[in-house]
């Protein structure tokens, strides 16, 4: 009797398992962001905006970006970040995807 009861309980558990898996799969949250991404214009951003915009860009590097921008009449491409003192080509290569996500370059007026 006890064996039959255990068998019935286990069979009910096993038969309802796929239903739970299907419900969980359907209600999984979407990975797409629901908020529009606002890019930072590298030729207009101030110190506060640049600081922390990308991992590795703190206050000193943000100051260096602004100094480079002012002395070179703005950035023409993101590749120019490699020429900024304290950044370098290695930083740009390692963070290229994130830099493209965060920054945009508009011509300086």
PDB file of N, CA and C in Angstrom:
ATOM      1  N   UNK A   1       0.819  -1.194   0.000  1.00  0.00           N
ATOM      2  CA  UNK A   1       0.000   0.000   0.000  1.00  0.00           C
ATOM      3  C   UNK A   1       0.866   1.262   0.000  1.00  0.00           C
ATOM      4  N   UNK A   2       1.864   1.263   0.874  1.00  0.00           N
ATOM      5  CA  UNK A   2       2.755   2.415   0.964  1.00  0.00           C
ATOM      6  C   UNK A   2       3.526   2.599  -0.346  1.00  0.00           C
ATOM      7  N   UNK A   3       3.918   1.492  -0.958  1.00  0.00           N
ATOM      8  CA  UNK A   3       4.658   1.546  -2.218  1.00  0.00           C
ATOM      9  C   UNK A   3       3.789   2.127  -3.332  1.00  0.00           C
ATOM     10  N   UNK A   4       2.499   1.748  -3.371  1.00  0.00           N
ATOM     11  CA  UNK A   4       1.589   2.288  -4.384  1.00  0.00           C
ATOM     12  C   UNK A   4       1.398   3.799  -4.197  1.00  0.00           C
ATOM     13  N   UNK A   5       1.280   4.237  -2.957  1.00  0.00           N
ATOM     14  CA  UNK A   5       1.107   5.659  -2.653  1.00  0.00           C
ATOM     15  C   UNK A   5       2.321   6.460  -3.127  1.00  0.00           C
ATOM     16  N   UNK A   6       3.506   5.953  -2.841  1.00  0.00           N
ATOM     17  CA  UNK A   6       4.743   6.626  -3.274  1.00  0.00           C
ATOM     18  C   UNK A   6       4.817   6.653  -4.796  1.00  0.00           C
ATOM     19  N   UNK A   7       4.425   5.555  -5.439  1.00  0.00           N
ATOM     20  CA  UNK A   7       4.452   5.490  -6.899  1.00  0.00           C
ATOM     21  C   UNK A   7       3.499   6.511  -7.508  1.00  0.00           C
ATOM     22  N   UNK A   8       2.315   6.659  -6.936  1.00  0.00           N
ATOM     23  CA  UNK A   8       1.341   7.629  -7.441  1.00  0.00           C
ATOM     24  C   UNK A   8       1.856   9.055  -7.264  1.00  0.00           C
ATOM     25  N   UNK A   9       2.406   9.363  -6.109  1.00  0.00           N
ATOM     26  CA  UNK A   9       2.932  10.708  -5.850  1.00  0.00           C
ATOM     27  C   UNK A   9       4.081  11.026  -6.799  1.00  0.00           C
ATOM     28  N   UNK A  10       4.987  10.089  -6.974  1.00  0.00           N
ATOM     29  CA  UNK A  10       6.114  10.311  -7.889  1.00  0.00           C
ATOM     30  C   UNK A  10       5.644  10.472  -9.328  1.00  0.00           C
ATOM     31  N   UNK A  11       4.668   9.687  -9.751  1.00  0.00           N
ATOM     32  CA  UNK A  11       4.185   9.810 -11.128  1.00  0.00           C
ATOM     33  C   UNK A  11       3.505  11.159 -11.353  1.00  0.00           C
ATOM     34  N   UNK A  12       2.781  11.645 -10.364  1.00  0.00           N
ATOM     35  CA  UNK A  12       2.179  12.975 -10.488  1.00  0.00           C
ATOM     36  C   UNK A  12       3.248  14.059 -10.572  1.00  0.00           C
ATOM     37  N   UNK A  13       4.282  13.923  -9.779  1.00  0.00           N
ATOM     38  CA  UNK A  13       5.381  14.887  -9.790  1.00  0.00           C
ATOM     39  C   UNK A  13       6.077  14.897 -11.143  1.00  0.00           C
ATOM     40  N   UNK A  14       6.367  13.709 -11.661  1.00  0.00           N
ATOM     41  CA  UNK A  14       7.084  13.593 -12.935  1.00  0.00           C
ATOM     42  C   UNK A  14       6.232  14.111 -14.087  1.00  0.00           C
ATOM     43  N   UNK A  15       4.937  13.844 -14.075  1.00  0.00           N
ATOM     44  CA  UNK A  15       4.095  14.293 -15.188  1.00  0.00           C
ATOM     45  C   UNK A  15       3.857  15.797 -15.187  1.00  0.00           C
ATOM     46  N   UNK A  16       3.924  16.439 -14.040  1.00  0.00           N
ATOM     47  CA  UNK A  16       3.713  17.892 -13.995  1.00  0.00           C
ATOM     48  C   UNK A  16       5.005  18.678 -14.146  1.00  0.00           C
ATOM     49  N   UNK A  17       6.137  18.028 -14.098  1.00  0.00           N
ATOM     50  CA  UNK A  17       7.426  18.709 -14.219  1.00  0.00           C
ATOM     51  C   UNK A  17       7.570  19.458 -15.542  1.00  0.00           C
ATOM     52  N   UNK A  18       7.245  18.861 -16.704  1.00  0.00           N
ATOM     53  CA  UNK A  18       7.368  19.606 -17.965  1.00  0.00           C
ATOM     54  C   UNK A  18       6.481  20.852 -18.017  1.00  0.00           C
ATOM     55  N   UNK A  19       5.323  20.810 -17.368  1.00  0.00           N
ATOM     56  CA  UNK A  19       4.436  21.972 -17.349  1.00  0.00           C
ATOM     57  C   UNK A  19       5.105  23.134 -16.626  1.00  0.00           C
ATOM     58  N   UNK A  20       5.736  22.866 -15.494  1.00  0.00           N
ATOM     59  CA  UNK A  20       6.430  23.916 -14.750  1.00  0.00           C
ATOM     60  C   UNK A  20       7.606  24.474 -15.547  1.00  0.00           C
ATOM     61  N   UNK A  21       8.321  23.613 -16.238  1.00  0.00           N
ATOM     62  CA  UNK A  21       9.463  24.063 -17.038  1.00  0.00           C
ATOM     63  C   UNK A  21       8.999  24.963 -18.170  1.00  0.00           C
ATOM     64  N   UNK A  22       7.881  24.630 -18.804  1.00  0.00           N
ATOM     65  CA  UNK A  22       7.354  25.438 -19.901  1.00  0.00           C
ATOM     66  C   UNK A  22       6.898  26.805 -19.398  1.00  0.00           C
ATOM     67  N   UNK A  23       6.217  26.834 -18.279  1.00  0.00           N
ATOM     68  CA  UNK A  23       5.753  28.099 -17.711  1.00  0.00           C
ATOM     69  C   UNK A  23       6.933  28.984 -17.340  1.00  0.00           C
ATOM     70  N   UNK A  24       7.968  28.413 -16.738  1.00  0.00           N
ATOM     71  CA  UNK A  24       9.146  29.186 -16.354  1.00  0.00           C
ATOM     72  C   UNK A  24       9.854  29.735 -17.578  1.00  0.00           C
ATOM     73  N   UNK A  25       9.919  28.939 -18.639  1.00  0.00           N
ATOM     74  CA  UNK A  25      10.601  29.382 -19.854  1.00  0.00           C
ATOM     75  C   UNK A  25       9.849  30.540 -20.509  1.00  0.00           C
ATOM     76  N   UNK A  26       8.532  30.479 -20.519  1.00  0.00           N
ATOM     77  CA  UNK A  26       7.731  31.524 -21.145  1.00  0.00           C
ATOM     78  C   UNK A  26       7.764  32.829 -20.371  1.00  0.00           C
ATOM     79  N   UNK A  27       7.898  32.753 -19.064  1.00  0.00           N
ATOM     80  CA  UNK A  27       7.857  33.969 -18.259  1.00  0.00           C
ATOM     81  C   UNK A  27       9.235  34.532 -17.951  1.00  0.00           C
ATOM     82  N   UNK A  28      10.282  33.999 -18.601  1.00  0.00           N
ATOM     83  CA  UNK A  28      11.633  34.508 -18.376  1.00  0.00           C
ATOM     84  C   UNK A  28      11.714  35.946 -18.883  1.00  0.00           C
ATOM     85  N   UNK A  29      12.361  36.844 -18.132  1.00  0.00           N
ATOM     86  CA  UNK A  29      12.452  38.247 -18.542  1.00  0.00           C
ATOM     87  C   UNK A  29      13.334  38.414 -19.777  1.00  0.00           C
ATOM     88  N   UNK A  30      12.998  39.391 -20.574  1.00  0.00           N
ATOM     89  CA  UNK A  30      13.766  39.705 -21.770  1.00  0.00           C
ATOM     90  C   UNK A  30      15.082  40.364 -21.389  1.00  0.00           C
ATOM     91  N   UNK A  31      16.126  40.067 -22.163  1.00  0.00           N
ATOM     92  CA  UNK A  31      17.437  40.649 -21.876  1.00  0.00           C
ATOM     93  C   UNK A  31      17.637  41.989 -22.580  1.00  0.00           C
ATOM     94  N   UNK A  32      16.684  42.396 -23.390  1.00  0.00           N
ATOM     95  CA  UNK A  32      16.813  43.657 -24.100  1.00  0.00           C
ATOM     96  C   UNK A  32      16.471  44.812 -23.171  1.00  0.00           C
ATOM     97  N   UNK A  33      17.294  45.853 -23.191  1.00  0.00           N
ATOM     98  CA  UNK A  33      17.004  46.994 -22.324  1.00  0.00           C
ATOM     99  C   UNK A  33      15.747  47.720 -22.792  1.00  0.00           C
ATOM    100  N   UNK A  34      14.962  48.189 -21.850  1.00  0.00           N
ATOM    101  CA  UNK A  34      13.740  48.898 -22.197  1.00  0.00           C
ATOM    102  C   UNK A  34      13.953  50.411 -22.219  1.00  0.00           C
ATOM    103  N   UNK A  35      15.132  50.847 -21.850  1.00  0.00           N
ATOM    104  CA  UNK A  35      15.438  52.267 -21.792  1.00  0.00           C
ATOM    105  C   UNK A  35      16.356  52.625 -22.960  1.00  0.00           C
ATOM    106  N   UNK A  36      16.088  53.726 -23.621  1.00  0.00           N
ATOM    107  CA  UNK A  36      16.935  54.180 -24.710  1.00  0.00           C
ATOM    108  C   UNK A  36      18.296  54.592 -24.158  1.00  0.00           C
ATOM    109  N   UNK A  37      19.336  54.244 -24.892  1.00  0.00           N
ATOM    110  CA  UNK A  37      20.692  54.551 -24.456  1.00  0.00           C
ATOM    111  C   UNK A  37      21.076  55.937 -24.960  1.00  0.00           C
ATOM    112  N   UNK A  38      21.573  56.769 -24.061  1.00  0.00           N
ATOM    113  CA  UNK A  38      22.010  58.115 -24.416  1.00  0.00           C
ATOM    114  C   UNK A  38      23.530  58.102 -24.497  1.00  0.00           C
ATOM    115  N   UNK A  39      24.068  58.364 -25.687  1.00  0.00           N
ATOM    116  CA  UNK A  39      25.517  58.376 -25.855  1.00  0.00           C
ATOM    117  C   UNK A  39      26.087  59.730 -25.462  1.00  0.00           C
ATOM    118  N   UNK A  40      27.325  59.700 -25.019  1.00  0.00           N
ATOM    119  CA  UNK A  40      28.030  60.902 -24.580  1.00  0.00           C
ATOM    120  C   UNK A  40      28.857  61.422 -25.746  1.00  0.00           C
ATOM    121  N   UNK A  41      28.670  62.700 -26.081  1.00  0.00           N
ATOM    122  CA  UNK A  41      29.469  63.323 -27.138  1.00  0.00           C
ATOM    123  C   UNK A  41      30.846  63.634 -26.567  1.00  0.00           C
ATOM    124  N   UNK A  42      31.845  62.972 -27.102  1.00  0.00           N
ATOM    125  CA  UNK A  42      33.214  63.119 -26.610  1.00  0.00           C
ATOM    126  C   UNK A  42      33.741  64.538 -26.808  1.00  0.00           C
ATOM    127  N   UNK A  43      33.183  65.274 -27.762  1.00  0.00           N
ATOM    128  CA  UNK A  43      33.633  66.642 -28.020  1.00  0.00           C
ATOM    129  C   UNK A  43      32.900  67.697 -27.187  1.00  0.00           C
ATOM    130  N   UNK A  44      31.920  67.284 -26.388  1.00  0.00           N
ATOM    131  CA  UNK A  44      31.175  68.254 -25.586  1.00  0.00           C
ATOM    132  C   UNK A  44      31.097  67.895 -24.111  1.00  0.00           C
ATOM    133  N   UNK A  45      31.412  66.669 -23.761  1.00  0.00           N
ATOM    134  CA  UNK A  45      31.234  66.197 -22.383  1.00  0.00           C
ATOM    135  C   UNK A  45      32.133  66.940 -21.408  1.00  0.00           C
ATOM    136  N   UNK A  46      31.579  67.235 -20.236  1.00  0.00           N
ATOM    137  CA  UNK A  46      32.365  67.888 -19.194  1.00  0.00           C
ATOM    138  C   UNK A  46      33.038  66.832 -18.305  1.00  0.00           C
ATOM    139  N   UNK A  47      33.800  67.308 -17.342  1.00  0.00           N
ATOM    140  CA  UNK A  47      34.570  66.435 -16.457  1.00  0.00           C
ATOM    141  C   UNK A  47      33.671  65.447 -15.714  1.00  0.00           C
ATOM    142  N   UNK A  48      32.575  65.926 -15.190  1.00  0.00           N
ATOM    143  CA  UNK A  48      31.660  65.069 -14.427  1.00  0.00           C
ATOM    144  C   UNK A  48      31.068  63.968 -15.298  1.00  0.00           C
ATOM    145  N   UNK A  49      30.701  64.309 -16.515  1.00  0.00           N
ATOM    146  CA  UNK A  49      30.100  63.333 -17.427  1.00  0.00           C
ATOM    147  C   UNK A  49      31.106  62.264 -17.831  1.00  0.00           C
ATOM    148  N   UNK A  50      32.331  62.674 -18.110  1.00  0.00           N
ATOM    149  CA  UNK A  50      33.354  61.715 -18.532  1.00  0.00           C
ATOM    150  C   UNK A  50      33.804  60.803 -17.394  1.00  0.00           C
ATOM    151  N   UNK A  51      33.889  61.355 -16.192  1.00  0.00           N
ATOM    152  CA  UNK A  51      34.366  60.577 -15.047  1.00  0.00           C
ATOM    153  C   UNK A  51      33.402  59.432 -14.767  1.00  0.00           C
ATOM    154  N   UNK A  52      33.919  58.221 -14.847  1.00  0.00           N
ATOM    155  CA  UNK A  52      33.118  57.033 -14.577  1.00  0.00           C
ATOM    156  C   UNK A  52      32.248  56.566 -15.725  1.00  0.00           C
ATOM    157  N   UNK A  53      32.332  57.226 -16.877  1.00  0.00           N
ATOM    158  CA  UNK A  53      31.499  56.832 -18.017  1.00  0.00           C
ATOM    159  C   UNK A  53      31.876  55.456 -18.546  1.00  0.00           C
ATOM    160  N   UNK A  54      33.146  55.119 -18.441  1.00  0.00           N
ATOM    161  CA  UNK A  54      33.670  53.805 -18.821  1.00  0.00           C
ATOM    162  C   UNK A  54      34.612  53.377 -17.712  1.00  0.00           C
ATOM    163  N   UNK A  55      34.577  52.100 -17.380  1.00  0.00           N
ATOM    164  CA  UNK A  55      35.473  51.592 -16.345  1.00  0.00           C
ATOM    165  C   UNK A  55      36.909  51.914 -16.740  1.00  0.00           C
ATOM    166  N   UNK A  56      37.622  52.555 -15.853  1.00  0.00           N
ATOM    167  CA  UNK A  56      38.998  52.942 -16.130  1.00  0.00           C
ATOM    168  C   UNK A  56      39.161  54.426 -16.417  1.00  0.00           C
ATOM    169  N   UNK A  57      38.064  55.132 -16.632  1.00  0.00           N
ATOM    170  CA  UNK A  57      38.136  56.579 -16.849  1.00  0.00           C
ATOM    171  C   UNK A  57      37.679  57.260 -15.566  1.00  0.00           C
ATOM    172  N   UNK A  58      38.671  57.651 -14.783  1.00  0.00           N
ATOM    173  CA  UNK A  58      38.403  58.392 -13.560  1.00  0.00           C
ATOM    174  C   UNK A  58      38.631  59.871 -13.804  1.00  0.00           C
ATOM    175  N   UNK A  59      38.801  60.618 -12.745  1.00  0.00           N
ATOM    176  CA  UNK A  59      38.949  62.070 -12.851  1.00  0.00           C
ATOM    177  C   UNK A  59      40.203  62.452 -13.639  1.00  0.00           C
ATOM    178  N   UNK A  60      41.332  61.811 -13.365  1.00  0.00           N
ATOM    179  CA  UNK A  60      42.595  62.161 -14.048  1.00  0.00           C
ATOM    180  C   UNK A  60      42.505  61.896 -15.545  1.00  0.00           C
ATOM    181  N   UNK A  61      41.977  60.737 -15.918  1.00  0.00           N
ATOM    182  CA  UNK A  61      41.859  60.423 -17.342  1.00  0.00           C
ATOM    183  C   UNK A  61      40.823  61.319 -18.016  1.00  0.00           C
ATOM    184  N   UNK A  62      39.761  61.655 -17.319  1.00  0.00           N
ATOM    185  CA  UNK A  62      38.760  62.568 -17.875  1.00  0.00           C
ATOM    186  C   UNK A  62      39.381  63.943 -18.126  1.00  0.00           C
ATOM    187  N   UNK A  63      40.206  64.407 -17.187  1.00  0.00           N
ATOM    188  CA  UNK A  63      40.916  65.683 -17.375  1.00  0.00           C
ATOM    189  C   UNK A  63      41.844  65.605 -18.580  1.00  0.00           C
ATOM    190  N   UNK A  64      42.518  64.470 -18.762  1.00  0.00           N
ATOM    191  CA  UNK A  64      43.425  64.297 -19.898  1.00  0.00           C
ATOM    192  C   UNK A  64      42.653  64.280 -21.216  1.00  0.00           C
ATOM    193  N   UNK A  65      41.478  63.683 -21.220  1.00  0.00           N
ATOM    194  CA  UNK A  65      40.640  63.663 -22.424  1.00  0.00           C
ATOM    195  C   UNK A  65      40.232  65.085 -22.801  1.00  0.00           C
ATOM    196  N   UNK A  66      39.831  65.871 -21.828  1.00  0.00           N
ATOM    197  CA  UNK A  66      39.425  67.256 -22.085  1.00  0.00           C
ATOM    198  C   UNK A  66      40.612  68.084 -22.558  1.00  0.00           C
ATOM    199  N   UNK A  67      41.776  67.896 -21.947  1.00  0.00           N
ATOM    200  CA  UNK A  67      42.984  68.631 -22.357  1.00  0.00           C
ATOM    201  C   UNK A  67      43.355  68.287 -23.797  1.00  0.00           C
ATOM    202  N   UNK A  68      43.297  67.018 -24.145  1.00  0.00           N
ATOM    203  CA  UNK A  68      43.605  66.594 -25.522  1.00  0.00           C
ATOM    204  C   UNK A  68      42.595  67.208 -26.489  1.00  0.00           C
ATOM    205  N   UNK A  69      41.332  67.155 -26.140  1.00  0.00           N
ATOM    206  CA  UNK A  69      40.268  67.693 -26.990  1.00  0.00           C
ATOM    207  C   UNK A  69      40.486  69.177 -27.260  1.00  0.00           C
ATOM    208  N   UNK A  70      40.848  69.925 -26.218  1.00  0.00           N
ATOM    209  CA  UNK A  70      41.054  71.366 -26.370  1.00  0.00           C
ATOM    210  C   UNK A  70      42.288  71.678 -27.210  1.00  0.00           C
ATOM    211  N   UNK A  71      43.345  70.919 -27.034  1.00  0.00           N
ATOM    212  CA  UNK A  71      44.580  71.205 -27.774  1.00  0.00           C
ATOM    213  C   UNK A  71      44.556  70.689 -29.210  1.00  0.00           C
ATOM    214  N   UNK A  72      43.645  69.788 -29.532  1.00  0.00           N
ATOM    215  CA  UNK A  72      43.569  69.229 -30.888  1.00  0.00           C
ATOM    216  C   UNK A  72      42.267  69.596 -31.602  1.00  0.00           C
ATOM    217  N   UNK A  73      41.556  70.580 -31.086  1.00  0.00           N
ATOM    218  CA  UNK A  73      40.307  71.057 -31.698  1.00  0.00           C
ATOM    219  C   UNK A  73      39.288  69.933 -31.864  1.00  0.00           C
ATOM    220  N   UNK A  74      39.187  69.102 -30.853  1.00  0.00           N
ATOM    221  CA  UNK A  74      38.176  68.042 -30.838  1.00  0.00           C
ATOM    222  C   UNK A  74      38.670  66.711 -31.368  1.00  0.00           C
ATOM    223  N   UNK A  75      37.878  65.703 -31.107  1.00  0.00           N
ATOM    224  CA  UNK A  75      38.165  64.354 -31.595  1.00  0.00           C
ATOM    225  C   UNK A  75      37.502  64.162 -32.946  1.00  0.00           C
ATOM    226  N   UNK A  76      38.192  63.464 -33.818  1.00  0.00           N
ATOM    227  CA  UNK A  76      37.615  63.109 -35.114  1.00  0.00           C
ATOM    228  C   UNK A  76      37.154  61.659 -35.114  1.00  0.00           C
ATOM    229  N   UNK A  77      37.756  60.826 -34.254  1.00  0.00           N
ATOM    230  CA  UNK A  77      37.373  59.416 -34.136  1.00  0.00           C
ATOM    231  C   UNK A  77      37.703  58.913 -32.736  1.00  0.00           C
ATOM    232  N   UNK A  78      37.109  57.801 -32.367  1.00  0.00           N
ATOM    233  CA  UNK A  78      37.395  57.201 -31.061  1.00  0.00           C
ATOM    234  C   UNK A  78      38.824  56.683 -30.983  1.00  0.00           C
ATOM    235  N   UNK A  79      39.405  56.379 -32.118  1.00  0.00           N
ATOM    236  CA  UNK A  79      40.788  55.899 -32.153  1.00  0.00           C
ATOM    237  C   UNK A  79      41.752  56.926 -31.562  1.00  0.00           C
ATOM    238  N   UNK A  80      41.404  58.206 -31.642  1.00  0.00           N
ATOM    239  CA  UNK A  80      42.262  59.255 -31.094  1.00  0.00           C
ATOM    240  C   UNK A  80      42.413  59.153 -29.585  1.00  0.00           C
ATOM    241  N   UNK A  81      41.514  58.441 -28.919  1.00  0.00           N
ATOM    242  CA  UNK A  81      41.649  58.257 -27.470  1.00  0.00           C
ATOM    243  C   UNK A  81      42.967  57.573 -27.124  1.00  0.00           C
ATOM    244  N   UNK A  82      43.510  56.805 -28.054  1.00  0.00           N
ATOM    245  CA  UNK A  82      44.788  56.130 -27.831  1.00  0.00           C
ATOM    246  C   UNK A  82      45.924  57.133 -27.672  1.00  0.00           C
ATOM    247  N   UNK A  83      45.749  58.336 -28.202  1.00  0.00           N
ATOM    248  CA  UNK A  83      46.787  59.367 -28.124  1.00  0.00           C
ATOM    249  C   UNK A  83      46.696  60.200 -26.846  1.00  0.00           C
ATOM    250  N   UNK A  84      45.633  60.019 -26.086  1.00  0.00           N
ATOM    251  CA  UNK A  84      45.449  60.770 -24.842  1.00  0.00           C
ATOM    252  C   UNK A  84      46.406  60.238 -23.786  1.00  0.00           C
ATOM    253  N   UNK A  85      47.108  61.176 -23.131  1.00  0.00           N
ATOM    254  CA  UNK A  85      48.050  60.794 -22.082  1.00  0.00           C
ATOM    255  C   UNK A  85      47.307  60.046 -20.976  1.00  0.00           C
ATOM    256  N   UNK A  86      47.798  58.852 -20.662  1.00  0.00           N
ATOM    257  CA  UNK A  86      47.182  58.047 -19.610  1.00  0.00           C
ATOM    258  C   UNK A  86      46.200  57.003 -20.112  1.00  0.00           C
ATOM    259  N   UNK A  87      45.839  57.063 -21.389  1.00  0.00           N
ATOM    260  CA  UNK A  87      44.940  56.045 -21.947  1.00  0.00           C
ATOM    261  C   UNK A  87      45.743  55.034 -22.761  1.00  0.00           C
ATOM    262  N   UNK A  88      46.160  55.412 -23.946  1.00  0.00           N
ATOM    263  CA  UNK A  88      46.986  54.538 -24.769  1.00  0.00           C
ATOM    264  C   UNK A  88      46.197  53.542 -25.598  1.00  0.00           C
ATOM    265  N   UNK A  89      46.908  52.935 -26.538  1.00  0.00           N
ATOM    266  CA  UNK A  89      46.302  51.990 -27.475  1.00  0.00           C
ATOM    267  C   UNK A  89      45.758  50.749 -26.770  1.00  0.00           C
ATOM    268  N   UNK A  90      46.476  50.287 -25.748  1.00  0.00           N
ATOM    269  CA  UNK A  90      46.036  49.090 -25.020  1.00  0.00           C
ATOM    270  C   UNK A  90      44.661  49.318 -24.377  1.00  0.00           C
ATOM    271  N   UNK A  91      44.464  50.467 -23.762  1.00  0.00           N
ATOM    272  CA  UNK A  91      43.173  50.794 -23.145  1.00  0.00           C
ATOM    273  C   UNK A  91      42.070  50.827 -24.201  1.00  0.00           C
ATOM    274  N   UNK A  92      42.340  51.463 -25.328  1.00  0.00           N
ATOM    275  CA  UNK A  92      41.340  51.577 -26.393  1.00  0.00           C
ATOM    276  C   UNK A  92      41.003  50.196 -26.953  1.00  0.00           C
ATOM    277  N   UNK A  93      42.015  49.376 -27.207  1.00  0.00           N
ATOM    278  CA  UNK A  93      41.774  48.032 -27.736  1.00  0.00           C
ATOM    279  C   UNK A  93      40.966  47.182 -26.759  1.00  0.00           C
ATOM    280  N   UNK A  94      41.318  47.242 -25.497  1.00  0.00           N
ATOM    281  CA  UNK A  94      40.668  46.427 -24.474  1.00  0.00           C
ATOM    282  C   UNK A  94      39.219  46.863 -24.238  1.00  0.00           C
ATOM    283  N   UNK A  95      38.927  48.137 -24.443  1.00  0.00           N
ATOM    284  CA  UNK A  95      37.596  48.682 -24.142  1.00  0.00           C
ATOM    285  C   UNK A  95      36.836  49.162 -25.380  1.00  0.00           C
ATOM    286  N   UNK A  96      37.267  48.742 -26.541  1.00  0.00           N
ATOM    287  CA  UNK A  96      36.694  49.247 -27.801  1.00  0.00           C
ATOM    288  C   UNK A  96      35.161  49.099 -27.852  1.00  0.00           C
ATOM    289  N   UNK A  97      34.651  47.945 -27.491  1.00  0.00           N
ATOM    290  CA  UNK A  97      33.203  47.718 -27.556  1.00  0.00           C
ATOM    291  C   UNK A  97      32.457  48.682 -26.631  1.00  0.00           C
ATOM    292  N   UNK A  98      32.928  48.816 -25.418  1.00  0.00           N
ATOM    293  CA  UNK A  98      32.278  49.706 -24.448  1.00  0.00           C
ATOM    294  C   UNK A  98      32.404  51.169 -24.884  1.00  0.00           C
ATOM    295  N   UNK A  99      33.561  51.549 -25.410  1.00  0.00           N
ATOM    296  CA  UNK A  99      33.754  52.922 -25.886  1.00  0.00           C
ATOM    297  C   UNK A  99      32.754  53.248 -26.997  1.00  0.00           C
ATOM    298  N   UNK A 100      32.542  52.299 -27.909  1.00  0.00           N
ATOM    299  CA  UNK A 100      31.580  52.503 -28.994  1.00  0.00           C
ATOM    300  C   UNK A 100      30.145  52.570 -28.481  1.00  0.00           C
ATOM    301  N   UNK A 101      29.852  51.862 -27.397  1.00  0.00           N
ATOM    302  CA  UNK A 101      28.514  51.901 -26.808  1.00  0.00           C
ATOM    303  C   UNK A 101      28.246  53.235 -26.108  1.00  0.00           C
ATOM    304  N   UNK A 102      29.272  53.778 -25.468  1.00  0.00           N
ATOM    305  CA  UNK A 102      29.090  54.940 -24.592  1.00  0.00           C
ATOM    306  C   UNK A 102      29.277  56.267 -25.320  1.00  0.00           C
ATOM    307  N   UNK A 103      30.255  56.351 -26.210  1.00  0.00           N
ATOM    308  CA  UNK A 103      30.621  57.635 -26.809  1.00  0.00           C
ATOM    309  C   UNK A 103      30.168  57.774 -28.255  1.00  0.00           C
ATOM    310  N   UNK A 104      29.929  59.014 -28.615  1.00  0.00           N
ATOM    311  CA  UNK A 104      29.671  59.410 -29.989  1.00  0.00           C
ATOM    312  C   UNK A 104      30.513  60.657 -30.232  1.00  0.00           C
ATOM    313  N   UNK A 105      30.869  60.896 -31.482  1.00  0.00           N
ATOM    314  CA  UNK A 105      31.675  62.082 -31.793  1.00  0.00           C
ATOM    315  C   UNK A 105      30.944  62.919 -32.832  1.00  0.00           C
ATOM    316  N   UNK A 106      30.593  64.126 -32.429  1.00  0.00           N
ATOM    317  CA  UNK A 106      30.027  65.104 -33.352  1.00  0.00           C
ATOM    318  C   UNK A 106      31.088  66.168 -33.598  1.00  0.00           C
ATOM    319  N   UNK A 107      31.052  66.775 -34.764  1.00  0.00           N
ATOM    320  CA  UNK A 107      32.033  67.814 -35.086  1.00  0.00           C
ATOM    321  C   UNK A 107      31.903  68.979 -34.120  1.00  0.00           C
ATOM    322  N   UNK A 108      33.061  69.534 -33.766  1.00  0.00           N
ATOM    323  CA  UNK A 108      33.058  70.722 -32.897  1.00  0.00           C
ATOM    324  C   UNK A 108      32.674  71.928 -33.727  1.00  0.00           C
ATOM    325  N   UNK A 109      31.961  72.829 -33.114  1.00  0.00           N
ATOM    326  CA  UNK A 109      31.509  74.043 -33.821  1.00  0.00           C
ATOM    327  C   UNK A 109      32.484  75.161 -33.662  1.00  0.00           C
TER     328      UNK A 109
END
